[in-house]
Amino acid sequence: MSSSFGLRSTGLLVFGGRIVSAFTGLLFTIMVARWLSPSNFGTWEVIVTLVTFSSYPVGVVAYWATRDVARGRMIGRTALASGGLLSAVGLVLYFGFTFVTYSRISAPVLPFLLGALLVPLAYWSAVTNSLVQGFRPGVYAYSLVISEVAKLSVAYSALYIYRLGIEGVIVALMAAYLIQSVVSTYFVRLTAAERFDFAQTRRWSRLAWLPAVSYLPTVLAVADTFVVALGFGTAIVGYYQVVFMVAGVVGYSSALAFSLYPLLLQGGNERLPAVSMEFSLLFSIPMAAGAAVLAGPITLLFGTKWLPGALGLAILAVMFVFTSASSIVDQALLGTEKADVGERPNFWALVRSNLLFVPVANILFGAVYVASLYFALAYSFANGYPTSTAVAVWATVELAATVAFTLLKARRARKVARLMPGVSVVYYLASAAVMAGVVYLLSGPLLIQGQGTLAYGASLLGVSLIGGAVYFGILYAIDSRFRDMARALLRLL
């Protein structure tokens, strides 16, 4: 019971940080989307993708840092130093990708050169976040909120005072990485109590193949941006990424399970994944329903030029419900696995373990998704479909692939942990349906096109808050388990 409650309380803390960051992130995206054209927005996303590609090697350190720290090993100094050294490899990779990319998408070289500064910051951020997850998961909320506020402040100055364009967006992202890394490093400083351990680095190097496989899905997950930009131009990438960022707020519900992984590594019981799944759905279901119903009005907030992405936003909102569920399934499989315990884990035991199954399944997901996406978009553009249809096709392909592979992994996870949430999910669906109807009826008279950005945004926020009040009000009335949980959390606060 205490583990379940600690899981919820830490999850709420991180989720609260994510929600605060969602508002600041929304303001950031509005500023960038209103300032940049779809093509330039797509170019910025390509640069971010190249940074992700270049950060692949740091996964070797981040993967083992989380597992070792969660099991009581204070290897923070070793992890931070190793990550700093690996960032040199990341820079080489970044410039290699840039040389191949920038001329093919007809983009200026200066933003790509400035983007190189993001690489060492991304390495630092990856290592500190891995230490945070294993040592003090709740710290992620503090560092995230502080970094998002810094990003918003720098972006406003860079775009609207100094009028820097893409370069200003990159500078704002640099500020966010730097602030988050500094804050996280401070809060996990106790993990750096021990000296740099060469034996530890040798162990990580010897087992590098496992995180190398495990982090490959992260690269494939953003490869869609790279493939589509090279094949069909950056404009379609811009349209898609704007609504993807908005729909991604639904995926923030996965933060409610942020402490699940370290709890399972520490020996948490098999009920925790089911608790996490139900807790995540409590928020992701209404968020997805609201985003789907308000897809048009939300997209309009970024400017009329982005309206072709509205249908894609509705589809992606549903997709992120399954993305959150997939994250919990992954944590259940990885957190309950013990094949890596010991200084010299058996190679064949690792090969047969969930430590390899999860990344292989996610690699297959990425490969199937990107290949299917390319052919689907090629067909769409060959037949002259409008941009709105192309964005919707992209979102539908991602939704289908996500659902299929989530179910595949869940089938295996049922052998090691409980995943099925309780009957309360039926109440979540019913309450969300009523909420969606109320929000739809209110959106007509309250969300009037032609208002100023601030007035329109305030109206949209008001409608969203009313929807949230309706959802939780109905749920409180019909679900006794939700009432008990709400009262317990209120006592904690």
Protein backbone atom coordinates (compact mmCIF):
# COMPACT_ATOMS: atom_id res chain seq x y z
CA MET A 1 0.00 0.00 0.00
CA SER A 2 2.82 2.40 0.90
CA SER A 3 4.55 1.68 -2.42
CA SER A 4 1.31 2.35 -4.30
CA PHE A 5 0.78 5.61 -2.45
CA GLY A 6 4.40 6.69 -2.94
CA LEU A 7 4.07 5.86 -6.62
CA ARG A 8 1.00 8.09 -6.90
CA SER A 9 2.40 10.98 -4.85
CA THR A 10 5.70 11.12 -6.74
CA GLY A 11 3.84 10.66 -9.99
CA LEU A 12 1.54 13.56 -9.17
CA LEU A 13 4.52 15.76 -8.37
CA VAL A 14 6.18 14.99 -11.71
CA PHE A 15 2.85 15.18 -13.54
CA GLY A 16 2.18 18.57 -11.95
CA GLY A 17 5.56 19.75 -13.19
CA ARG A 18 4.72 18.43 -16.64
CA ILE A 19 1.36 20.26 -16.66
CA VAL A 20 2.99 23.54 -15.64
CA SER A 21 5.57 22.98 -18.35
CA ALA A 22 2.73 22.24 -20.77
CA PHE A 23 1.44 25.80 -20.35
CA THR A 24 4.88 27.33 -20.74
CA GLY A 25 5.59 24.95 -23.63
CA LEU A 26 2.31 25.94 -25.28
CA LEU A 27 3.27 29.61 -25.03
CA PHE A 28 6.69 28.78 -26.45
CA THR A 29 5.18 26.88 -29.37
CA ILE A 30 2.70 29.70 -30.04
CA MET A 31 5.53 32.22 -30.19
CA VAL A 32 7.63 30.05 -32.46
CA ALA A 33 4.72 29.00 -34.71
CA ARG A 34 3.51 32.58 -35.16
CA TRP A 35 7.04 33.78 -35.88
CA LEU A 36 8.26 31.00 -38.20
CA SER A 37 6.78 29.67 -41.41
CA PRO A 38 5.89 25.96 -41.61
CA SER A 39 9.07 25.39 -43.62
CA ASN A 40 11.31 27.12 -41.06
CA PHE A 41 9.53 25.37 -38.20
CA GLY A 42 10.27 22.10 -39.95
CA THR A 43 13.95 23.07 -40.31
CA TRP A 44 14.16 23.69 -36.59
CA GLU A 45 12.65 20.25 -35.94
CA VAL A 46 15.24 18.69 -38.26
CA ILE A 47 18.04 20.28 -36.19
CA VAL A 48 16.51 18.93 -32.97
CA THR A 49 16.31 15.51 -34.63
CA LEU A 50 20.00 15.63 -35.56
CA VAL A 51 20.85 16.45 -31.94
CA THR A 52 18.85 13.38 -30.89
CA PHE A 53 20.71 11.23 -33.43
CA SER A 54 24.03 12.57 -32.14
CA SER A 55 23.09 11.90 -28.50
CA TYR A 56 22.75 8.18 -29.14
CA PRO A 57 26.14 7.22 -27.54
CA VAL A 58 25.24 8.77 -24.17
CA GLY A 59 22.61 6.08 -23.78
CA VAL A 60 25.36 3.68 -22.71
CA VAL A 61 25.95 5.80 -19.60
CA ALA A 62 22.36 6.89 -18.95
CA TYR A 63 20.97 3.36 -19.12
CA TRP A 64 23.28 1.88 -16.49
CA ALA A 65 23.36 5.03 -14.35
CA THR A 66 19.63 4.75 -13.61
CA ARG A 67 19.75 1.04 -12.81
CA ASP A 68 22.91 1.30 -10.66
CA VAL A 69 21.83 4.37 -8.70
CA ALA A 70 18.38 2.90 -8.04
CA ARG A 71 20.15 -0.13 -6.53
CA GLY A 72 22.25 2.02 -4.19
CA ARG A 73 25.51 2.59 -6.11
CA MET A 74 26.73 6.19 -5.92
CA ILE A 75 28.26 6.39 -9.41
CA GLY A 76 27.23 9.97 -10.24
CA ARG A 77 30.77 11.29 -10.73
CA THR A 78 31.65 8.41 -13.03
CA ALA A 79 28.46 8.90 -15.04
CA LEU A 80 28.88 12.67 -15.46
CA ALA A 81 32.52 12.42 -16.47
CA SER A 82 31.84 9.60 -18.92
CA GLY A 83 28.96 11.53 -20.46
CA GLY A 84 31.17 14.60 -20.91
CA LEU A 85 33.83 12.60 -22.72
CA LEU A 86 31.28 10.94 -24.98
CA SER A 87 29.90 14.31 -26.05
CA ALA A 88 32.99 14.69 -28.28
CA VAL A 89 31.78 11.65 -30.21
CA GLY A 90 28.35 13.26 -30.38
CA LEU A 91 29.77 16.40 -31.98
CA VAL A 92 31.48 14.33 -34.68
CA LEU A 93 28.18 12.59 -35.40
CA TYR A 94 26.28 15.87 -35.47
CA PHE A 95 28.55 17.50 -38.03
CA GLY A 96 28.43 14.35 -40.14
CA PHE A 97 24.62 14.38 -40.19
CA THR A 98 24.59 18.12 -40.84
CA PHE A 99 26.88 17.80 -43.86
CA VAL A 100 24.48 15.29 -45.39
CA THR A 101 21.29 17.13 -44.49
CA TYR A 102 21.30 20.91 -44.68
CA SER A 103 21.92 21.32 -48.41
CA ARG A 104 19.31 18.69 -49.35
CA ILE A 105 16.54 20.61 -47.60
CA SER A 106 17.72 23.99 -48.93
CA ALA A 107 18.31 25.44 -45.48
CA PRO A 108 20.94 27.98 -44.36
CA VAL A 109 23.97 26.52 -42.60
CA LEU A 110 24.13 28.99 -39.66
CA PRO A 111 21.27 27.42 -37.62
CA PHE A 112 22.90 24.00 -38.06
CA LEU A 113 26.25 25.33 -36.81
CA LEU A 114 24.61 26.95 -33.80
CA GLY A 115 22.76 23.72 -33.12
CA ALA A 116 26.09 21.99 -32.47
CA LEU A 117 26.17 23.72 -29.08
CA LEU A 118 23.08 21.75 -28.12
CA VAL A 119 24.96 18.45 -28.32
CA PRO A 120 27.15 18.67 -25.16
CA LEU A 121 24.22 20.19 -23.29
CA ALA A 122 22.00 17.30 -24.40
CA TYR A 123 24.60 14.82 -23.09
CA TRP A 124 24.76 16.57 -19.72
CA SER A 125 20.97 16.66 -19.51
CA ALA A 126 20.63 12.97 -20.41
CA VAL A 127 23.06 11.86 -17.68
CA THR A 128 21.60 14.07 -14.95
CA ASN A 129 18.05 12.98 -15.82
CA SER A 130 19.10 9.33 -15.61
CA LEU A 131 20.58 9.96 -12.15
CA VAL A 132 17.43 11.79 -11.08
CA GLN A 133 15.19 8.92 -12.18
CA GLY A 134 17.15 6.41 -10.15
CA PHE A 135 17.90 8.56 -7.10
CA ARG A 136 15.22 11.25 -6.61
CA PRO A 137 12.49 11.03 -9.29
CA GLY A 138 10.52 13.97 -7.90
CA VAL A 139 13.39 16.35 -8.69
CA TYR A 140 12.49 16.04 -12.37
CA ALA A 141 9.42 18.20 -11.73
CA TYR A 142 11.44 21.07 -10.25
CA SER A 143 14.11 21.07 -12.94
CA LEU A 144 11.53 20.80 -15.72
CA VAL A 145 9.46 23.77 -14.57
CA ILE A 146 12.50 25.98 -13.99
CA SER A 147 14.00 25.10 -17.38
CA GLU A 148 10.70 25.70 -19.20
CA VAL A 149 10.32 29.15 -17.66
CA ALA A 150 13.90 29.96 -18.69
CA LYS A 151 13.23 28.73 -22.24
CA LEU A 152 10.12 30.88 -22.50
CA SER A 153 11.92 34.00 -21.24
CA VAL A 154 14.88 33.59 -23.59
CA ALA A 155 12.60 32.79 -26.54
CA TYR A 156 10.57 35.95 -26.04
CA SER A 157 13.70 38.10 -25.97
CA ALA A 158 15.32 36.30 -28.89
CA LEU A 159 12.27 36.33 -31.16
CA TYR A 160 10.38 39.51 -30.34
CA ILE A 161 13.15 41.83 -29.17
CA TYR A 162 16.22 40.71 -31.12
CA ARG A 163 14.21 39.04 -33.95
CA LEU A 164 16.64 36.18 -34.41
CA GLY A 165 14.38 33.59 -36.10
CA ILE A 166 15.49 29.94 -35.95
CA GLU A 167 18.70 30.97 -34.22
CA GLY A 168 16.66 32.48 -31.38
CA VAL A 169 14.71 29.26 -30.93
CA ILE A 170 17.96 27.30 -30.67
CA VAL A 171 19.35 29.72 -28.07
CA ALA A 172 16.16 29.27 -26.02
CA LEU A 173 16.52 25.49 -26.18
CA MET A 174 20.15 25.80 -25.08
CA ALA A 175 19.03 27.79 -22.04
CA ALA A 176 16.48 25.10 -21.13
CA TYR A 177 19.05 22.29 -21.37
CA LEU A 178 21.57 24.26 -19.31
CA ILE A 179 19.19 25.23 -16.51
CA GLN A 180 17.68 21.75 -16.20
CA SER A 181 21.12 20.15 -16.08
CA VAL A 182 22.41 22.55 -13.42
CA VAL A 183 19.35 22.08 -11.19
CA SER A 184 19.35 18.29 -11.57
CA THR A 185 23.09 18.05 -10.91
CA TYR A 186 22.66 19.98 -7.69
CA PHE A 187 19.87 17.73 -6.40
CA VAL A 188 21.73 14.49 -7.18
CA ARG A 189 25.11 15.70 -5.94
CA LEU A 190 25.12 12.96 -3.27
CA THR A 191 25.42 10.37 -6.04
CA ALA A 192 28.83 11.88 -6.86
CA ALA A 193 30.21 11.13 -3.39
CA GLU A 194 32.42 8.31 -4.66
CA ARG A 195 35.51 8.78 -6.80
CA PHE A 196 35.61 8.20 -10.54
CA ASP A 197 35.52 4.42 -10.94
CA PHE A 198 37.39 2.97 -13.93
CA ALA A 199 36.07 -0.49 -13.09
CA GLN A 200 32.55 0.83 -13.44
CA THR A 201 33.28 2.33 -16.86
CA ARG A 202 34.79 -0.98 -17.97
CA ARG A 203 31.66 -2.79 -16.83
CA TRP A 204 29.46 -0.32 -18.76
CA SER A 205 31.68 -0.69 -21.83
CA ARG A 206 31.56 -4.46 -21.65
CA LEU A 207 27.76 -4.34 -21.53
CA ALA A 208 27.43 -1.41 -23.96
CA TRP A 209 25.65 -3.55 -26.52
CA LEU A 210 22.53 -3.69 -24.35
CA PRO A 211 21.94 0.08 -23.96
CA ALA A 212 23.06 0.53 -27.58
CA VAL A 213 20.14 -1.65 -28.58
CA SER A 214 17.86 -0.12 -25.94
CA TYR A 215 18.39 3.48 -27.09
CA LEU A 216 18.11 2.73 -30.79
CA PRO A 217 14.29 3.06 -30.59
CA THR A 218 14.78 6.64 -29.38
CA VAL A 219 16.63 7.41 -32.59
CA LEU A 220 14.05 5.64 -34.74
CA ALA A 221 11.25 7.47 -32.93
CA VAL A 222 12.42 10.79 -34.36
CA ALA A 223 13.64 9.40 -37.68
CA ASP A 224 10.23 10.17 -39.15
CA THR A 225 11.09 13.88 -39.12
CA PHE A 226 14.38 13.24 -40.89
CA VAL A 227 12.91 10.89 -43.52
CA VAL A 228 9.90 13.09 -44.28
CA ALA A 229 12.01 16.27 -44.47
CA LEU A 230 14.38 14.69 -47.00
CA GLY A 231 11.63 13.01 -48.97
CA PHE A 232 8.81 15.54 -48.96
CA GLY A 233 10.19 18.86 -47.66
CA THR A 234 10.21 20.63 -44.31
CA ALA A 235 6.79 22.28 -44.64
CA ILE A 236 4.83 19.08 -43.94
CA VAL A 237 7.18 18.44 -41.01
CA GLY A 238 6.31 21.87 -39.63
CA TYR A 239 2.56 21.28 -39.85
CA TYR A 240 2.85 17.90 -38.19
CA GLN A 241 5.25 18.86 -35.41
CA VAL A 242 3.14 21.78 -34.23
CA VAL A 243 0.11 19.56 -33.55
CA PHE A 244 2.37 16.76 -32.31
CA MET A 245 3.72 19.06 -29.60
CA VAL A 246 0.21 19.99 -28.52
CA ALA A 247 -1.04 16.40 -28.52
CA GLY A 248 2.07 15.45 -26.57
CA VAL A 249 0.48 17.02 -23.48
CA VAL A 250 -1.75 13.93 -23.33
CA GLY A 251 1.42 11.86 -23.15
CA TYR A 252 2.45 13.77 -20.04
CA SER A 253 0.22 11.34 -18.15
CA SER A 254 3.13 8.89 -18.40
CA ALA A 255 4.86 11.11 -15.82
CA LEU A 256 2.41 9.72 -13.27
CA ALA A 257 4.41 6.49 -13.49
CA PHE A 258 7.79 8.22 -13.32
CA SER A 259 8.80 6.42 -10.12
CA LEU A 260 7.51 3.01 -11.26
CA TYR A 261 10.82 1.93 -12.81
CA PRO A 262 13.06 2.60 -9.75
CA LEU A 263 10.42 1.14 -7.42
CA LEU A 264 10.37 -2.10 -9.42
CA LEU A 265 14.18 -2.16 -9.51
CA GLN A 266 14.14 -1.88 -5.71
CA GLY A 267 11.80 -4.87 -5.47
CA GLY A 268 8.32 -3.33 -5.73
CA ASN A 269 5.41 -5.78 -6.06
CA GLU A 270 3.74 -6.84 -9.31
CA ARG A 271 0.60 -4.73 -8.64
CA LEU A 272 2.41 -1.44 -9.20
CA PRO A 273 2.15 -1.46 -13.04
CA ALA A 274 -1.65 -1.91 -12.82
CA VAL A 275 -1.82 0.95 -10.31
CA SER A 276 0.25 3.10 -12.66
CA MET A 277 -1.86 2.18 -15.69
CA GLU A 278 -5.11 3.12 -13.95
CA PHE A 279 -3.63 6.33 -12.56
CA SER A 280 -2.32 7.32 -16.01
CA LEU A 281 -5.67 6.66 -17.70
CA LEU A 282 -7.40 8.80 -15.08
CA PHE A 283 -5.78 11.81 -16.75
CA SER A 284 -4.94 10.71 -20.30
CA ILE A 285 -8.51 9.74 -21.23
CA PRO A 286 -10.10 13.17 -20.52
CA MET A 287 -7.09 15.01 -21.93
CA ALA A 288 -7.36 13.06 -25.17
CA ALA A 289 -11.11 13.57 -25.36
CA GLY A 290 -10.76 17.31 -24.81
CA ALA A 291 -7.95 17.68 -27.34
CA ALA A 292 -9.92 15.73 -29.96
CA VAL A 293 -13.10 17.81 -29.51
CA LEU A 294 -11.19 21.11 -29.42
CA ALA A 295 -8.66 20.20 -32.14
CA GLY A 296 -9.79 22.99 -34.48
CA PRO A 297 -9.92 25.78 -31.86
CA ILE A 298 -6.59 24.69 -30.37
CA THR A 299 -4.87 24.71 -33.76
CA LEU A 300 -6.33 28.14 -34.50
CA LEU A 301 -4.49 29.47 -31.46
CA PHE A 302 -1.23 29.14 -33.41
CA GLY A 303 -2.61 31.06 -36.39
CA THR A 304 -4.85 30.21 -39.33
CA LYS A 305 -1.88 28.96 -41.38
CA TRP A 306 -1.70 25.89 -39.09
CA LEU A 307 -5.35 24.77 -39.46
CA PRO A 308 -4.45 21.93 -41.90
CA GLY A 309 -3.07 20.09 -38.87
CA ALA A 310 -6.34 20.06 -36.87
CA LEU A 311 -7.49 16.55 -37.83
CA GLY A 312 -3.98 15.25 -37.18
CA LEU A 313 -4.16 16.74 -33.67
CA ALA A 314 -7.37 14.81 -32.90
CA ILE A 315 -5.80 11.53 -34.04
CA LEU A 316 -2.53 12.14 -32.20
CA ALA A 317 -4.38 12.88 -28.95
CA VAL A 318 -5.72 9.32 -29.01
CA MET A 319 -2.30 7.98 -30.02
CA PHE A 320 -0.66 9.47 -26.93
CA VAL A 321 -3.01 7.53 -24.65
CA PHE A 322 -1.45 4.37 -26.04
CA THR A 323 2.04 5.89 -25.92
CA SER A 324 1.63 6.42 -22.17
CA ALA A 325 0.37 2.86 -21.75
CA SER A 326 3.33 1.58 -23.78
CA SER A 327 5.73 3.42 -21.47
CA ILE A 328 4.23 1.70 -18.42
CA VAL A 329 4.42 -1.69 -20.10
CA ASP A 330 8.10 -1.08 -20.89
CA GLN A 331 8.83 -0.14 -17.28
CA ALA A 332 7.04 -3.25 -16.04
CA LEU A 333 9.16 -5.48 -18.28
CA LEU A 334 12.47 -3.74 -17.57
CA GLY A 335 11.96 -3.02 -13.88
CA THR A 336 11.13 -6.61 -12.95
CA GLU A 337 14.07 -8.06 -14.88
CA LYS A 338 16.99 -9.31 -12.77
CA ALA A 339 19.25 -10.81 -15.45
CA ASP A 340 21.75 -7.94 -15.13
CA VAL A 341 22.29 -8.27 -11.37
CA GLY A 342 25.94 -8.95 -10.50
CA GLU A 343 29.29 -7.78 -11.77
CA ARG A 344 29.43 -10.24 -14.67
CA PRO A 345 25.90 -10.98 -15.92
CA ASN A 346 25.52 -14.05 -18.15
CA PHE A 347 25.44 -13.02 -21.81
CA TRP A 348 22.81 -15.55 -22.88
CA ALA A 349 20.64 -14.70 -19.90
CA LEU A 350 20.69 -11.06 -21.03
CA VAL A 351 19.86 -12.05 -24.60
CA ARG A 352 16.79 -14.00 -23.43
CA SER A 353 15.73 -11.30 -20.96
CA ASN A 354 13.25 -8.47 -21.20
CA LEU A 355 16.22 -6.11 -21.24
CA LEU A 356 16.63 -7.12 -24.88
CA PHE A 357 13.01 -7.92 -25.74
CA VAL A 358 11.78 -4.38 -25.03
CA PRO A 359 14.27 -2.52 -27.24
CA VAL A 360 13.96 -5.10 -30.04
CA ALA A 361 10.17 -4.67 -29.99
CA ASN A 362 10.58 -0.89 -30.04
CA ILE A 363 13.12 -1.08 -32.86
CA LEU A 364 10.64 -3.12 -34.90
CA PHE A 365 7.99 -0.53 -34.10
CA GLY A 366 10.22 2.29 -35.35
CA ALA A 367 11.19 0.44 -38.52
CA VAL A 368 7.62 -0.56 -39.37
CA TYR A 369 6.30 2.90 -38.56
CA VAL A 370 8.87 4.86 -40.59
CA ALA A 371 8.66 2.53 -43.60
CA SER A 372 4.84 2.59 -43.57
CA LEU A 373 4.86 6.36 -43.17
CA TYR A 374 7.11 6.89 -46.18
CA PHE A 375 4.93 4.82 -48.49
CA ALA A 376 1.69 6.33 -47.13
CA LEU A 377 2.93 9.90 -47.66
CA ALA A 378 4.37 9.04 -51.08
CA TYR A 379 0.92 7.79 -52.10
CA SER A 380 -0.75 10.91 -50.64
CA PHE A 381 1.51 13.37 -52.43
CA ALA A 382 1.44 11.38 -55.69
CA ASN A 383 -2.35 11.64 -55.71
CA GLY A 384 -2.36 15.34 -54.91
CA TYR A 385 -4.00 15.08 -51.49
CA PRO A 386 -4.12 18.36 -49.53
CA THR A 387 -1.81 19.07 -46.63
CA SER A 388 -4.56 18.40 -44.09
CA THR A 389 -4.99 14.87 -45.46
CA ALA A 390 -1.23 14.24 -45.48
CA VAL A 391 -0.97 15.29 -41.81
CA ALA A 392 -3.92 13.05 -40.91
CA VAL A 393 -2.36 10.13 -42.80
CA TRP A 394 0.90 10.62 -40.90
CA ALA A 395 -0.96 10.65 -37.56
CA THR A 396 -3.02 7.58 -38.48
CA VAL A 397 0.07 5.56 -39.38
CA GLU A 398 1.69 6.44 -36.06
CA LEU A 399 -1.49 5.59 -34.13
CA ALA A 400 -1.86 2.19 -35.81
CA ALA A 401 1.78 1.24 -35.20
CA THR A 402 1.65 2.39 -31.57
CA VAL A 403 -1.49 0.38 -30.78
CA ALA A 404 -0.17 -2.80 -32.44
CA PHE A 405 3.19 -2.82 -30.65
CA THR A 406 1.74 -1.78 -27.28
CA LEU A 407 -0.50 -4.85 -27.38
CA LEU A 408 2.45 -7.03 -28.44
CA LYS A 409 4.54 -5.96 -25.45
CA ALA A 410 1.60 -6.12 -23.04
CA ARG A 411 1.09 -9.77 -23.90
CA ARG A 412 4.58 -10.57 -22.64
CA ALA A 413 4.38 -8.20 -19.67
CA ARG A 414 1.35 -10.04 -18.29
CA LYS A 415 3.72 -12.91 -17.38
CA VAL A 416 5.71 -10.78 -14.91
CA ALA A 417 3.29 -8.12 -13.66
CA ARG A 418 -0.34 -7.12 -13.42
CA LEU A 419 -1.32 -4.56 -16.06
CA MET A 420 -5.10 -4.55 -16.25
CA PRO A 421 -6.59 -1.49 -14.51
CA GLY A 422 -9.76 -1.77 -12.45
CA VAL A 423 -13.37 -1.06 -13.26
CA SER A 424 -12.77 2.63 -12.60
CA VAL A 425 -11.61 3.00 -16.21
CA VAL A 426 -15.24 2.54 -17.29
CA TYR A 427 -16.14 5.53 -15.11
CA TYR A 428 -13.27 7.51 -16.66
CA LEU A 429 -14.63 6.86 -20.15
CA ALA A 430 -18.20 7.78 -19.18
CA SER A 431 -17.13 10.99 -17.44
CA ALA A 432 -14.88 11.95 -20.35
CA ALA A 433 -17.75 11.44 -22.82
CA VAL A 434 -19.99 13.82 -20.87
CA MET A 435 -17.12 16.28 -20.54
CA ALA A 436 -16.48 16.18 -24.29
CA GLY A 437 -20.14 16.99 -24.98
CA VAL A 438 -20.08 19.96 -22.61
CA VAL A 439 -16.84 21.29 -24.08
CA TYR A 440 -18.18 20.93 -27.61
CA LEU A 441 -21.34 22.91 -26.75
CA LEU A 442 -19.34 25.65 -25.02
CA SER A 443 -16.75 25.99 -27.79
CA GLY A 444 -19.25 27.46 -30.26
CA PRO A 445 -20.34 30.58 -28.34
CA LEU A 446 -17.12 31.11 -26.35
CA LEU A 447 -14.34 30.44 -28.88
CA ILE A 448 -14.87 33.12 -31.49
CA GLN A 449 -12.39 33.45 -34.35
CA GLY A 450 -11.01 36.96 -34.71
CA GLN A 451 -10.32 37.62 -31.04
CA GLY A 452 -6.85 38.69 -30.04
CA THR A 453 -4.41 35.94 -29.16
CA LEU A 454 -4.57 36.59 -25.41
CA ALA A 455 -8.35 36.86 -25.31
CA TYR A 456 -8.80 33.75 -27.44
CA GLY A 457 -6.26 31.83 -25.36
CA ALA A 458 -8.01 32.87 -22.14
CA SER A 459 -11.36 31.70 -23.55
CA LEU A 460 -9.83 28.38 -24.58
CA LEU A 461 -8.31 27.96 -21.13
CA GLY A 462 -11.67 28.74 -19.54
CA VAL A 463 -13.44 26.12 -21.62
CA SER A 464 -10.74 23.58 -20.74
CA LEU A 465 -11.05 24.30 -17.02
CA ILE A 466 -14.82 23.94 -17.15
CA GLY A 467 -14.35 20.62 -18.93
CA GLY A 468 -11.92 19.47 -16.24
CA ALA A 469 -14.35 20.48 -13.49
CA VAL A 470 -17.16 18.53 -15.20
CA TYR A 471 -15.00 15.43 -15.59
CA PHE A 472 -13.67 15.29 -12.04
CA GLY A 473 -17.03 16.34 -10.59
CA ILE A 474 -18.85 13.47 -12.29
CA LEU A 475 -16.06 11.06 -11.40
CA TYR A 476 -16.16 12.09 -7.75
CA ALA A 477 -19.90 11.43 -7.70
CA ILE A 478 -19.87 7.98 -9.31
CA ASP A 479 -16.52 6.37 -8.43
CA SER A 480 -15.87 5.50 -4.77
CA ARG A 481 -12.23 4.55 -5.48
CA PHE A 482 -11.56 7.99 -6.94
CA ARG A 483 -13.15 9.61 -3.88
CA ASP A 484 -10.89 7.61 -1.56
CA MET A 485 -7.79 8.46 -3.59
CA ALA A 486 -8.72 12.16 -3.75
CA ARG A 487 -9.22 12.34 0.01
CA ALA A 488 -5.91 10.58 0.67
CA LEU A 489 -4.02 12.94 -1.64
CA LEU A 490 -5.69 15.96 -0.07
CA ARG A 491 -4.60 14.78 3.38
CA LEU A 492 -1.05 14.46 2.05
CA LEU A 493 -1.15 18.02 0.69
